[in-house]
Amino acid sequence: MVIFRNISEIKEKLRHPAVTIGNFDGVHLGHREIFRRVCELARAQDGVSVVITFAPHPLQVISPGTGLKLITTPREKRSLIEGSGIDYLLEIPFDFAFASIAASDFVERILVGAIGMESLVIGYDYAFGRGREGNVQLLRQLGERFGYQVELLQPISGRGIVYSSTAVRTLVGEGDVKGVVSVLGRHYSITGTVVHGHQRGRGLGFPTANLATEKELLPAAGVYAVKARLGGALYDGACNIGTNPTFGNGQLSLEVFLFDFDAELYGSELTLIFIERLRGERRFPSQEALKEAIAADVARCKEILKDVSVEAEG
């Protein structure tokens, strides 16, 4: 996949491009259906598939007070879009100047003028441009003028849930990492670097690795059964997200105890794949009570993970 970080990097029109535009945070099953259709149209017109997105997310610029937490990091989003078979990704830098561009100007100068768009696929609820005026009606009017076709995909759902980034944020925020698989099409994961922590887990007989991550959206505080990817190897583990109330830390941490693992991890990149939440965060009356609870958590995690496979996810 070729990545353009700015419109100016596109030196000539692309070959018969089929295009989609959106934020695509999370790259969930709804997004992947849009990408599938874009690739299908590109093949039909002997052209290339193009995804246009924005960095940072427009809401983080226009309405920073909403506290929007992104589901995917930029690296994750690029990887997932590439995995969907897309040929070109255009990441447009988003600021107030860009937000003031009229939708008709964006279509004429960028989609048609710079890219040469011949087909456009959009989701049912998407609009862009100043005042969100770039809706399906305007896009079809402009399509008649500039010679491109517009296809609107209706809501895609499963098990009574419409696939959306909002649904993903809600489920992950509630700790429902098992339920979110039906919207994402994969398990929720967090990648980070192992850093030094308080070493309390080692003193309790369960040495944990503390993870520093760029991920904005963390599951609700609690204990989770996870798979951990380290290099090309996969390990079972128990993850705790929270403030360690038994010790009165107050600072949120993400730590994982890997089963049957005894090696140095500091500085390593580790990916945690969340399988199931066991319980919420609790304050225990003593370190001994905490130790007993961790032992029970580990036993439960081993039971949950013994038949779980995530090797083919992507």
C-alpha atoms as a PDB file:
ATOM      1  CA  MET A   1       0.000   0.000   0.000  1.00  0.00           C
ATOM      2  CA  VAL A   2       1.280   3.449  -0.942  1.00  0.00           C
ATOM      3  CA  ILE A   3       0.757   6.096   1.754  1.00  0.00           C
ATOM      4  CA  PHE A   4       0.467   9.816   0.980  1.00  0.00           C
ATOM      5  CA  ARG A   5       0.807  12.061   4.044  1.00  0.00           C
ATOM      6  CA  ASN A   6      -0.281  15.156   2.156  1.00  0.00           C
ATOM      7  CA  ILE A   7      -2.239  15.987  -0.981  1.00  0.00           C
ATOM      8  CA  SER A   8       0.861  17.667  -2.445  1.00  0.00           C
ATOM      9  CA  GLU A   9       2.582  14.260  -2.586  1.00  0.00           C
ATOM     10  CA  ILE A  10       0.174  13.131  -5.319  1.00  0.00           C
ATOM     11  CA  LYS A  11       1.983  14.193  -8.498  1.00  0.00           C
ATOM     12  CA  GLU A  12      -0.477  12.814 -11.052  1.00  0.00           C
ATOM     13  CA  LYS A  13      -3.976  11.380 -11.161  1.00  0.00           C
ATOM     14  CA  LEU A  14      -4.252   7.738 -10.135  1.00  0.00           C
ATOM     15  CA  ARG A  15      -5.433   4.995 -12.493  1.00  0.00           C
ATOM     16  CA  HIS A  16      -9.269   4.806 -12.575  1.00  0.00           C
ATOM     17  CA  PRO A  17      -9.549   5.189  -8.789  1.00  0.00           C
ATOM     18  CA  ALA A  18     -12.396   3.957  -6.610  1.00  0.00           C
ATOM     19  CA  VAL A  19     -12.374   6.051  -3.429  1.00  0.00           C
ATOM     20  CA  THR A  20     -13.831   6.139   0.050  1.00  0.00           C
ATOM     21  CA  ILE A  21     -13.560   8.906   2.657  1.00  0.00           C
ATOM     22  CA  GLY A  22     -13.900   8.648   6.421  1.00  0.00           C
ATOM     23  CA  ASN A  23     -12.174   8.593   9.782  1.00  0.00           C
ATOM     24  CA  PHE A  24     -12.259   4.774   9.963  1.00  0.00           C
ATOM     25  CA  ASP A  25     -11.211   4.711  13.609  1.00  0.00           C
ATOM     26  CA  GLY A  26     -11.126   1.092  14.750  1.00  0.00           C
ATOM     27  CA  VAL A  27     -11.379  -0.347  11.214  1.00  0.00           C
ATOM     28  CA  HIS A  28     -14.364  -2.410  12.365  1.00  0.00           C
ATOM     29  CA  LEU A  29     -16.511  -4.783  10.285  1.00  0.00           C
ATOM     30  CA  GLY A  30     -18.545  -1.910   8.835  1.00  0.00           C
ATOM     31  CA  HIS A  31     -15.398  -0.169   7.601  1.00  0.00           C
ATOM     32  CA  ARG A  32     -14.062  -3.404   6.186  1.00  0.00           C
ATOM     33  CA  GLU A  33     -17.250  -3.885   4.166  1.00  0.00           C
ATOM     34  CA  ILE A  34     -16.741  -0.401   2.696  1.00  0.00           C
ATOM     35  CA  PHE A  35     -13.147  -1.314   1.801  1.00  0.00           C
ATOM     36  CA  ARG A  36     -14.302  -4.594   0.257  1.00  0.00           C
ATOM     37  CA  ARG A  37     -16.729  -2.706  -1.980  1.00  0.00           C
ATOM     38  CA  VAL A  38     -14.090  -0.124  -2.954  1.00  0.00           C
ATOM     39  CA  CYS A  39     -11.693  -2.910  -3.973  1.00  0.00           C
ATOM     40  CA  GLU A  40     -14.492  -4.587  -5.934  1.00  0.00           C
ATOM     41  CA  LEU A  41     -15.267  -1.392  -7.864  1.00  0.00           C
ATOM     42  CA  ALA A  42     -11.573  -0.759  -8.499  1.00  0.00           C
ATOM     43  CA  ARG A  43     -11.200  -4.188 -10.077  1.00  0.00           C
ATOM     44  CA  ALA A  44     -14.339  -3.684 -12.177  1.00  0.00           C
ATOM     45  CA  GLN A  45     -13.014  -0.434 -13.646  1.00  0.00           C
ATOM     46  CA  ASP A  46      -9.431  -1.729 -14.004  1.00  0.00           C
ATOM     47  CA  GLY A  47      -8.283   0.805 -11.454  1.00  0.00           C
ATOM     48  CA  VAL A  48      -6.928   1.249  -7.937  1.00  0.00           C
ATOM     49  CA  SER A  49      -8.566   1.438  -4.508  1.00  0.00           C
ATOM     50  CA  VAL A  50      -8.066   4.594  -2.419  1.00  0.00           C
ATOM     51  CA  VAL A  51      -8.888   5.366   1.219  1.00  0.00           C
ATOM     52  CA  ILE A  52      -8.865   9.006   2.344  1.00  0.00           C
ATOM     53  CA  THR A  53      -8.724   9.741   6.048  1.00  0.00           C
ATOM     54  CA  PHE A  54      -7.649  12.562   8.351  1.00  0.00           C
ATOM     55  CA  ALA A  55      -4.973  13.079  11.000  1.00  0.00           C
ATOM     56  CA  PRO A  56      -5.690  13.968  13.702  1.00  0.00           C
ATOM     57  CA  HIS A  57      -9.341  12.924  13.993  1.00  0.00           C
ATOM     58  CA  PRO A  58     -11.458  16.018  13.102  1.00  0.00           C
ATOM     59  CA  LEU A  59     -13.375  15.913  16.408  1.00  0.00           C
ATOM     60  CA  GLN A  60     -10.096  16.173  18.340  1.00  0.00           C
ATOM     61  CA  VAL A  61      -9.474  19.475  16.539  1.00  0.00           C
ATOM     62  CA  ILE A  62     -12.959  20.978  16.319  1.00  0.00           C
ATOM     63  CA  SER A  63     -14.403  19.688  19.622  1.00  0.00           C
ATOM     64  CA  PRO A  64     -11.481  18.705  21.888  1.00  0.00           C
ATOM     65  CA  GLY A  65     -13.744  18.963  24.936  1.00  0.00           C
ATOM     66  CA  THR A  66     -15.574  15.786  23.926  1.00  0.00           C
ATOM     67  CA  GLY A  67     -12.609  13.749  25.205  1.00  0.00           C
ATOM     68  CA  LEU A  68     -12.760  11.403  22.223  1.00  0.00           C
ATOM     69  CA  LYS A  69     -10.437   8.420  22.715  1.00  0.00           C
ATOM     70  CA  LEU A  70      -9.241   6.805  19.512  1.00  0.00           C
ATOM     71  CA  ILE A  71      -9.644   3.044  19.106  1.00  0.00           C
ATOM     72  CA  THR A  72      -6.582   2.580  16.918  1.00  0.00           C
ATOM     73  CA  THR A  73      -3.191   4.252  16.857  1.00  0.00           C
ATOM     74  CA  PRO A  74      -2.075   5.679  13.482  1.00  0.00           C
ATOM     75  CA  ARG A  75       0.223   2.687  12.953  1.00  0.00           C
ATOM     76  CA  GLU A  76      -2.555   0.206  13.735  1.00  0.00           C
ATOM     77  CA  LYS A  77      -4.997   1.953  11.408  1.00  0.00           C
ATOM     78  CA  ARG A  78      -2.533   1.940   8.516  1.00  0.00           C
ATOM     79  CA  SER A  79      -1.794  -1.752   9.045  1.00  0.00           C
ATOM     80  CA  LEU A  80      -5.482  -2.713   9.189  1.00  0.00           C
ATOM     81  CA  ILE A  81      -6.339  -0.694   6.071  1.00  0.00           C
ATOM     82  CA  GLU A  82      -3.458  -2.289   4.198  1.00  0.00           C
ATOM     83  CA  GLY A  83      -4.661  -5.694   5.375  1.00  0.00           C
ATOM     84  CA  SER A  84      -8.008  -4.950   3.716  1.00  0.00           C
ATOM     85  CA  GLY A  85      -6.317  -4.894   0.309  1.00  0.00           C
ATOM     86  CA  ILE A  86      -6.312  -1.129  -0.274  1.00  0.00           C
ATOM     87  CA  ASP A  87      -3.807   0.214  -2.839  1.00  0.00           C
ATOM     88  CA  TYR A  88      -3.456   3.844  -1.711  1.00  0.00           C
ATOM     89  CA  LEU A  89      -3.998   5.631   1.621  1.00  0.00           C
ATOM     90  CA  LEU A  90      -4.169   9.429   1.756  1.00  0.00           C
ATOM     91  CA  GLU A  91      -3.849  10.862   5.282  1.00  0.00           C
ATOM     92  CA  ILE A  92      -4.849  14.518   5.072  1.00  0.00           C
ATOM     93  CA  PRO A  93      -3.518  16.755   7.885  1.00  0.00           C
ATOM     94  CA  PHE A  94      -6.621  18.173   9.550  1.00  0.00           C
ATOM     95  CA  ASP A  95      -6.702  21.695  11.013  1.00  0.00           C
ATOM     96  CA  PHE A  96      -9.124  24.624  11.155  1.00  0.00           C
ATOM     97  CA  ALA A  97      -7.996  25.883   7.742  1.00  0.00           C
ATOM     98  CA  PHE A  98      -8.800  22.547   6.142  1.00  0.00           C
ATOM     99  CA  ALA A  99     -12.108  22.374   8.046  1.00  0.00           C
ATOM    100  CA  SER A 100     -13.198  25.619   6.358  1.00  0.00           C
ATOM    101  CA  ILE A 101     -12.947  24.175   2.833  1.00  0.00           C
ATOM    102  CA  ALA A 102     -16.317  23.824   1.136  1.00  0.00           C
ATOM    103  CA  ALA A 103     -17.276  20.262   0.221  1.00  0.00           C
ATOM    104  CA  SER A 104     -17.698  21.204  -3.452  1.00  0.00           C
ATOM    105  CA  ASP A 105     -14.145  22.624  -3.534  1.00  0.00           C
ATOM    106  CA  PHE A 106     -12.781  19.471  -1.884  1.00  0.00           C
ATOM    107  CA  VAL A 107     -14.470  17.327  -4.512  1.00  0.00           C
ATOM    108  CA  GLU A 108     -13.340  19.445  -7.459  1.00  0.00           C
ATOM    109  CA  ARG A 109      -9.754  20.167  -6.373  1.00  0.00           C
ATOM    110  CA  ILE A 110      -8.806  16.995  -4.510  1.00  0.00           C
ATOM    111  CA  LEU A 111     -11.077  14.056  -5.332  1.00  0.00           C
ATOM    112  CA  VAL A 112     -11.421  14.857  -9.028  1.00  0.00           C
ATOM    113  CA  GLY A 113      -8.540  17.246  -9.745  1.00  0.00           C
ATOM    114  CA  ALA A 114      -5.715  15.571  -7.828  1.00  0.00           C
ATOM    115  CA  ILE A 115      -6.832  11.946  -7.572  1.00  0.00           C
ATOM    116  CA  GLY A 116      -9.034  11.541 -10.647  1.00  0.00           C
ATOM    117  CA  MET A 117     -11.822   9.745  -8.776  1.00  0.00           C
ATOM    118  CA  GLU A 118     -14.232   7.692 -10.906  1.00  0.00           C
ATOM    119  CA  SER A 119     -16.181   5.935  -8.118  1.00  0.00           C
ATOM    120  CA  LEU A 120     -16.964   6.963  -4.542  1.00  0.00           C
ATOM    121  CA  VAL A 121     -18.252   4.720  -1.743  1.00  0.00           C
ATOM    122  CA  ILE A 122     -19.488   6.285   1.496  1.00  0.00           C
ATOM    123  CA  GLY A 123     -21.115   4.989   4.647  1.00  0.00           C
ATOM    124  CA  TYR A 124     -24.757   5.763   5.428  1.00  0.00           C
ATOM    125  CA  ASP A 125     -23.984   8.419   8.044  1.00  0.00           C
ATOM    126  CA  TYR A 126     -20.923  10.115   6.571  1.00  0.00           C
ATOM    127  CA  ALA A 127     -20.647  13.761   5.564  1.00  0.00           C
ATOM    128  CA  PHE A 128     -17.610  16.012   5.189  1.00  0.00           C
ATOM    129  CA  GLY A 129     -16.562  19.554   4.408  1.00  0.00           C
ATOM    130  CA  ARG A 130     -17.527  22.858   5.971  1.00  0.00           C
ATOM    131  CA  GLY A 131     -20.687  22.381   8.022  1.00  0.00           C
ATOM    132  CA  ARG A 132     -20.819  18.713   6.964  1.00  0.00           C
ATOM    133  CA  GLU A 133     -22.346  19.861   3.673  1.00  0.00           C
ATOM    134  CA  GLY A 134     -20.697  17.030   1.733  1.00  0.00           C
ATOM    135  CA  ASN A 135     -23.646  14.637   2.056  1.00  0.00           C
ATOM    136  CA  VAL A 136     -24.806  12.022  -0.437  1.00  0.00           C
ATOM    137  CA  GLN A 137     -27.177  14.416  -2.226  1.00  0.00           C
ATOM    138  CA  LEU A 138     -24.441  16.963  -2.930  1.00  0.00           C
ATOM    139  CA  LEU A 139     -21.940  14.265  -3.862  1.00  0.00           C
ATOM    140  CA  ARG A 140     -24.350  12.807  -6.440  1.00  0.00           C
ATOM    141  CA  GLN A 141     -25.072  16.233  -7.921  1.00  0.00           C
ATOM    142  CA  LEU A 142     -21.341  16.855  -8.279  1.00  0.00           C
ATOM    143  CA  GLY A 143     -20.917  13.343  -9.677  1.00  0.00           C
ATOM    144  CA  GLU A 144     -23.167  14.230 -12.596  1.00  0.00           C
ATOM    145  CA  ARG A 145     -21.039  17.309 -13.204  1.00  0.00           C
ATOM    146  CA  PHE A 146     -17.601  15.692 -12.864  1.00  0.00           C
ATOM    147  CA  GLY A 147     -18.354  12.216 -14.164  1.00  0.00           C
ATOM    148  CA  TYR A 148     -18.016   9.937 -11.131  1.00  0.00           C
ATOM    149  CA  GLN A 149     -20.516   7.527  -9.551  1.00  0.00           C
ATOM    150  CA  VAL A 150     -21.544   7.487  -5.896  1.00  0.00           C
ATOM    151  CA  GLU A 151     -22.505   4.385  -3.934  1.00  0.00           C
ATOM    152  CA  LEU A 152     -24.073   4.669  -0.482  1.00  0.00           C
ATOM    153  CA  LEU A 153     -23.712   1.656   1.814  1.00  0.00           C
ATOM    154  CA  GLN A 154     -26.563   1.088   4.240  1.00  0.00           C
ATOM    155  CA  PRO A 155     -25.940   0.324   7.960  1.00  0.00           C
ATOM    156  CA  ILE A 156     -24.224  -3.018   8.512  1.00  0.00           C
ATOM    157  CA  SER A 157     -25.034  -4.875  11.696  1.00  0.00           C
ATOM    158  CA  GLY A 158     -24.833  -8.167  13.501  1.00  0.00           C
ATOM    159  CA  ARG A 159     -26.580  -9.548  16.584  1.00  0.00           C
ATOM    160  CA  GLY A 160     -28.697  -6.397  16.782  1.00  0.00           C
ATOM    161  CA  ILE A 161     -25.697  -4.009  16.929  1.00  0.00           C
ATOM    162  CA  VAL A 162     -24.909  -1.576  14.109  1.00  0.00           C
ATOM    163  CA  TYR A 163     -21.187  -1.722  13.426  1.00  0.00           C
ATOM    164  CA  SER A 164     -19.800   1.670  14.456  1.00  0.00           C
ATOM    165  CA  SER A 165     -16.815   3.228  16.189  1.00  0.00           C
ATOM    166  CA  THR A 166     -19.178   4.453  18.909  1.00  0.00           C
ATOM    167  CA  ALA A 167     -20.294   0.882  19.612  1.00  0.00           C
ATOM    168  CA  VAL A 168     -16.657  -0.225  19.870  1.00  0.00           C
ATOM    169  CA  ARG A 169     -15.800   2.589  22.306  1.00  0.00           C
ATOM    170  CA  THR A 170     -18.822   1.759  24.451  1.00  0.00           C
ATOM    171  CA  LEU A 171     -18.091  -1.965  24.652  1.00  0.00           C
ATOM    172  CA  VAL A 172     -14.371  -1.540  25.333  1.00  0.00           C
ATOM    173  CA  GLY A 173     -15.058   1.242  27.841  1.00  0.00           C
ATOM    174  CA  GLU A 174     -17.374  -1.132  29.721  1.00  0.00           C
ATOM    175  CA  GLY A 175     -14.745  -3.874  29.659  1.00  0.00           C
ATOM    176  CA  ASP A 176     -16.750  -6.085  27.308  1.00  0.00           C
ATOM    177  CA  VAL A 177     -13.700  -7.225  25.335  1.00  0.00           C
ATOM    178  CA  LYS A 178     -15.472 -10.483  24.479  1.00  0.00           C
ATOM    179  CA  GLY A 179     -18.544  -8.770  23.045  1.00  0.00           C
ATOM    180  CA  VAL A 180     -16.581  -6.237  21.003  1.00  0.00           C
ATOM    181  CA  VAL A 181     -15.215  -9.022  18.792  1.00  0.00           C
ATOM    182  CA  SER A 182     -18.601  -9.160  17.030  1.00  0.00           C
ATOM    183  CA  VAL A 183     -18.193  -5.502  15.963  1.00  0.00           C
ATOM    184  CA  LEU A 184     -14.442  -5.333  15.353  1.00  0.00           C
ATOM    185  CA  GLY A 185     -14.125  -8.716  13.708  1.00  0.00           C
ATOM    186  CA  ARG A 186     -11.060  -9.355  15.864  1.00  0.00           C
ATOM    187  CA  HIS A 187     -10.055  -9.182  19.518  1.00  0.00           C
ATOM    188  CA  TYR A 188      -9.199  -5.787  20.965  1.00  0.00           C
ATOM    189  CA  SER A 189      -5.462  -5.343  21.397  1.00  0.00           C
ATOM    190  CA  ILE A 190      -2.984  -2.920  22.925  1.00  0.00           C
ATOM    191  CA  THR A 191       0.662  -2.625  21.930  1.00  0.00           C
ATOM    192  CA  GLY A 192       3.224  -0.949  24.155  1.00  0.00           C
ATOM    193  CA  THR A 193       6.727  -0.964  25.532  1.00  0.00           C
ATOM    194  CA  VAL A 194       7.615  -2.756  28.763  1.00  0.00           C
ATOM    195  CA  VAL A 195       8.803  -0.247  31.392  1.00  0.00           C
ATOM    196  CA  HIS A 196       9.851  -0.423  35.044  1.00  0.00           C
ATOM    197  CA  GLY A 197       7.043  -0.547  37.605  1.00  0.00           C
ATOM    198  CA  HIS A 198       6.797  -0.846  41.403  1.00  0.00           C
ATOM    199  CA  GLN A 199       7.965  -4.505  41.452  1.00  0.00           C
ATOM    200  CA  ARG A 200       5.072  -5.402  43.780  1.00  0.00           C
ATOM    201  CA  GLY A 201       3.950  -8.317  41.603  1.00  0.00           C
ATOM    202  CA  ARG A 202       7.338  -9.980  41.941  1.00  0.00           C
ATOM    203  CA  GLY A 203       7.098  -9.711  45.723  1.00  0.00           C
ATOM    204  CA  LEU A 204       3.701 -11.433  45.597  1.00  0.00           C
ATOM    205  CA  GLY A 205       5.057 -14.275  43.463  1.00  0.00           C
ATOM    206  CA  PHE A 206       3.502 -12.999  40.204  1.00  0.00           C
ATOM    207  CA  PRO A 207       6.089 -10.836  38.389  1.00  0.00           C
ATOM    208  CA  THR A 208       4.284  -8.461  36.039  1.00  0.00           C
ATOM    209  CA  ALA A 209       5.405  -6.422  33.054  1.00  0.00           C
ATOM    210  CA  ASN A 210       4.204  -2.817  33.039  1.00  0.00           C
ATOM    211  CA  LEU A 211       3.216  -1.475  29.639  1.00  0.00           C
ATOM    212  CA  ALA A 212       3.545   2.109  28.405  1.00  0.00           C
ATOM    213  CA  THR A 213       1.298   2.594  25.376  1.00  0.00           C
ATOM    214  CA  GLU A 214       0.146   5.246  22.888  1.00  0.00           C
ATOM    215  CA  LYS A 215      -3.301   3.642  22.865  1.00  0.00           C
ATOM    216  CA  GLU A 216      -5.943   6.123  23.970  1.00  0.00           C
ATOM    217  CA  LEU A 217      -8.847   3.749  24.578  1.00  0.00           C
ATOM    218  CA  LEU A 218      -8.221   1.317  27.444  1.00  0.00           C
ATOM    219  CA  PRO A 219     -10.723  -1.293  28.645  1.00  0.00           C
ATOM    220  CA  ALA A 220     -12.447  -0.638  31.980  1.00  0.00           C
ATOM    221  CA  ALA A 221     -10.377  -1.234  35.107  1.00  0.00           C
ATOM    222  CA  GLY A 222     -10.211  -4.884  36.076  1.00  0.00           C
ATOM    223  CA  VAL A 223      -8.582  -8.242  35.417  1.00  0.00           C
ATOM    224  CA  TYR A 224      -8.489  -9.780  31.933  1.00  0.00           C
ATOM    225  CA  ALA A 225      -7.429 -13.038  30.326  1.00  0.00           C
ATOM    226  CA  VAL A 226      -5.068 -12.099  27.501  1.00  0.00           C
ATOM    227  CA  LYS A 227      -2.817 -13.500  24.848  1.00  0.00           C
ATOM    228  CA  ALA A 228       0.518 -11.666  24.636  1.00  0.00           C
ATOM    229  CA  ARG A 229       2.506 -11.443  21.405  1.00  0.00           C
ATOM    230  CA  LEU A 230       6.248 -10.988  21.845  1.00  0.00           C
ATOM    231  CA  GLY A 231       8.105 -11.067  18.554  1.00  0.00           C
ATOM    232  CA  GLY A 232       6.846 -14.179  16.797  1.00  0.00           C
ATOM    233  CA  ALA A 233       5.815 -15.957  20.004  1.00  0.00           C
ATOM    234  CA  LEU A 234       2.452 -16.001  21.750  1.00  0.00           C
ATOM    235  CA  TYR A 235       1.979 -16.412  25.514  1.00  0.00           C
ATOM    236  CA  ASP A 236      -1.034 -16.728  27.804  1.00  0.00           C
ATOM    237  CA  GLY A 237      -1.354 -14.180  30.575  1.00  0.00           C
ATOM    238  CA  ALA A 238      -3.421 -12.269  33.111  1.00  0.00           C
ATOM    239  CA  CYS A 239      -3.656  -8.493  32.719  1.00  0.00           C
ATOM    240  CA  ASN A 240      -4.641  -5.924  35.320  1.00  0.00           C
ATOM    241  CA  ILE A 241      -5.759  -2.407  34.430  1.00  0.00           C
ATOM    242  CA  GLY A 242      -6.261  -0.016  37.305  1.00  0.00           C
ATOM    243  CA  THR A 243      -4.792   2.026  40.114  1.00  0.00           C
ATOM    244  CA  ASN A 244      -3.827  -0.846  42.450  1.00  0.00           C
ATOM    245  CA  PRO A 245      -6.182   0.350  45.226  1.00  0.00           C
ATOM    246  CA  THR A 246      -4.793  -2.149  47.751  1.00  0.00           C
ATOM    247  CA  PHE A 247      -1.541  -0.160  47.650  1.00  0.00           C
ATOM    248  CA  GLY A 248      -3.168   3.247  47.174  1.00  0.00           C
ATOM    249  CA  ASN A 249      -1.236   4.130  44.024  1.00  0.00           C
ATOM    250  CA  GLY A 250      -3.818   6.419  42.450  1.00  0.00           C
ATOM    251  CA  GLN A 251      -2.072   6.256  39.063  1.00  0.00           C
ATOM    252  CA  LEU A 252      -3.549   4.107  36.289  1.00  0.00           C
ATOM    253  CA  SER A 253      -1.309   1.272  35.148  1.00  0.00           C
ATOM    254  CA  LEU A 254      -1.500  -1.618  32.706  1.00  0.00           C
ATOM    255  CA  GLU A 255       0.429  -4.713  33.734  1.00  0.00           C
ATOM    256  CA  VAL A 256       0.518  -8.334  32.630  1.00  0.00           C
ATOM    257  CA  PHE A 257       1.713 -11.573  34.189  1.00  0.00           C
ATOM    258  CA  LEU A 258       2.862 -14.010  31.497  1.00  0.00           C
ATOM    259  CA  PHE A 259       2.480 -17.696  32.311  1.00  0.00           C
ATOM    260  CA  ASP A 260       5.478 -20.009  31.914  1.00  0.00           C
ATOM    261  CA  PHE A 261       7.756 -17.107  30.997  1.00  0.00           C
ATOM    262  CA  ASP A 262      11.018 -16.161  32.667  1.00  0.00           C
ATOM    263  CA  ALA A 263      13.123 -13.693  30.681  1.00  0.00           C
ATOM    264  CA  GLU A 264      14.014 -10.008  30.643  1.00  0.00           C
ATOM    265  CA  LEU A 265      11.294  -7.876  29.043  1.00  0.00           C
ATOM    266  CA  TYR A 266      12.295  -4.258  29.735  1.00  0.00           C
ATOM    267  CA  GLY A 267      12.307  -2.227  26.535  1.00  0.00           C
ATOM    268  CA  SER A 268      10.521  -4.950  24.551  1.00  0.00           C
ATOM    269  CA  GLU A 269       7.421  -4.283  22.459  1.00  0.00           C
ATOM    270  CA  LEU A 270       4.490  -6.378  23.660  1.00  0.00           C
ATOM    271  CA  THR A 271       0.992  -6.699  22.216  1.00  0.00           C
ATOM    272  CA  LEU A 272      -1.829  -7.719  24.555  1.00  0.00           C
ATOM    273  CA  ILE A 273      -4.844  -9.363  22.912  1.00  0.00           C
ATOM    274  CA  PHE A 274      -7.847  -9.117  25.238  1.00  0.00           C
ATOM    275  CA  ILE A 275      -9.959 -12.270  25.407  1.00  0.00           C
ATOM    276  CA  GLU A 276     -12.274 -11.921  28.417  1.00  0.00           C
ATOM    277  CA  ARG A 277     -12.807  -9.812  31.529  1.00  0.00           C
ATOM    278  CA  LEU A 278     -12.815 -11.742  34.805  1.00  0.00           C
ATOM    279  CA  ARG A 279     -13.774  -9.039  37.276  1.00  0.00           C
ATOM    280  CA  GLY A 280     -13.585  -5.372  38.104  1.00  0.00           C
ATOM    281  CA  GLU A 281     -10.932  -3.719  40.232  1.00  0.00           C
ATOM    282  CA  ARG A 282     -11.113  -4.397  43.976  1.00  0.00           C
ATOM    283  CA  ARG A 283      -9.378  -3.216  47.124  1.00  0.00           C
ATOM    284  CA  PHE A 284      -8.229  -6.122  49.313  1.00  0.00           C
ATOM    285  CA  PRO A 285      -7.812  -5.973  53.108  1.00  0.00           C
ATOM    286  CA  SER A 286      -4.277  -7.357  53.007  1.00  0.00           C
ATOM    287  CA  GLN A 287      -1.463  -8.390  50.695  1.00  0.00           C
ATOM    288  CA  GLU A 288      -2.191 -12.017  51.548  1.00  0.00           C
ATOM    289  CA  ALA A 289      -5.811 -11.654  50.424  1.00  0.00           C
ATOM    290  CA  LEU A 290      -4.581  -9.984  47.217  1.00  0.00           C
ATOM    291  CA  LYS A 291      -2.126 -12.830  46.607  1.00  0.00           C
ATOM    292  CA  GLU A 292      -4.921 -15.385  46.959  1.00  0.00           C
ATOM    293  CA  ALA A 293      -7.133 -13.426  44.556  1.00  0.00           C
ATOM    294  CA  ILE A 294      -4.333 -13.224  41.958  1.00  0.00           C
ATOM    295  CA  ALA A 295      -3.772 -16.973  42.205  1.00  0.00           C
ATOM    296  CA  ALA A 296      -7.483 -17.539  41.585  1.00  0.00           C
ATOM    297  CA  ASP A 297      -7.429 -15.087  38.672  1.00  0.00           C
ATOM    298  CA  VAL A 298      -4.457 -16.849  37.095  1.00  0.00           C
ATOM    299  CA  ALA A 299      -6.163 -20.246  37.392  1.00  0.00           C
ATOM    300  CA  ARG A 300      -9.314 -18.831  35.788  1.00  0.00           C
ATOM    301  CA  CYS A 301      -7.332 -17.202  32.977  1.00  0.00           C
ATOM    302  CA  LYS A 302      -5.579 -20.473  32.194  1.00  0.00           C
ATOM    303  CA  GLU A 303      -8.935 -22.198  31.943  1.00  0.00           C
ATOM    304  CA  ILE A 304     -10.337 -19.521  29.619  1.00  0.00           C
ATOM    305  CA  LEU A 305      -7.268 -19.359  27.368  1.00  0.00           C
ATOM    306  CA  LYS A 306      -6.519 -23.048  26.903  1.00  0.00           C
ATOM    307  CA  ASP A 307      -8.755 -23.385  23.820  1.00  0.00           C
ATOM    308  CA  VAL A 308      -8.396 -19.825  22.420  1.00  0.00           C
ATOM    309  CA  SER A 309      -6.505 -19.238  19.168  1.00  0.00           C
ATOM    310  CA  VAL A 310      -5.755 -15.772  17.764  1.00  0.00           C
ATOM    311  CA  GLU A 311      -2.952 -16.592  15.305  1.00  0.00           C
ATOM    312  CA  ALA A 312      -4.992 -15.912  12.180  1.00  0.00           C
ATOM    313  CA  GLU A 313      -6.470 -12.563  13.308  1.00  0.00           C
ATOM    314  CA  GLY A 314      -5.930  -9.453  11.252  1.00  0.00           C
END
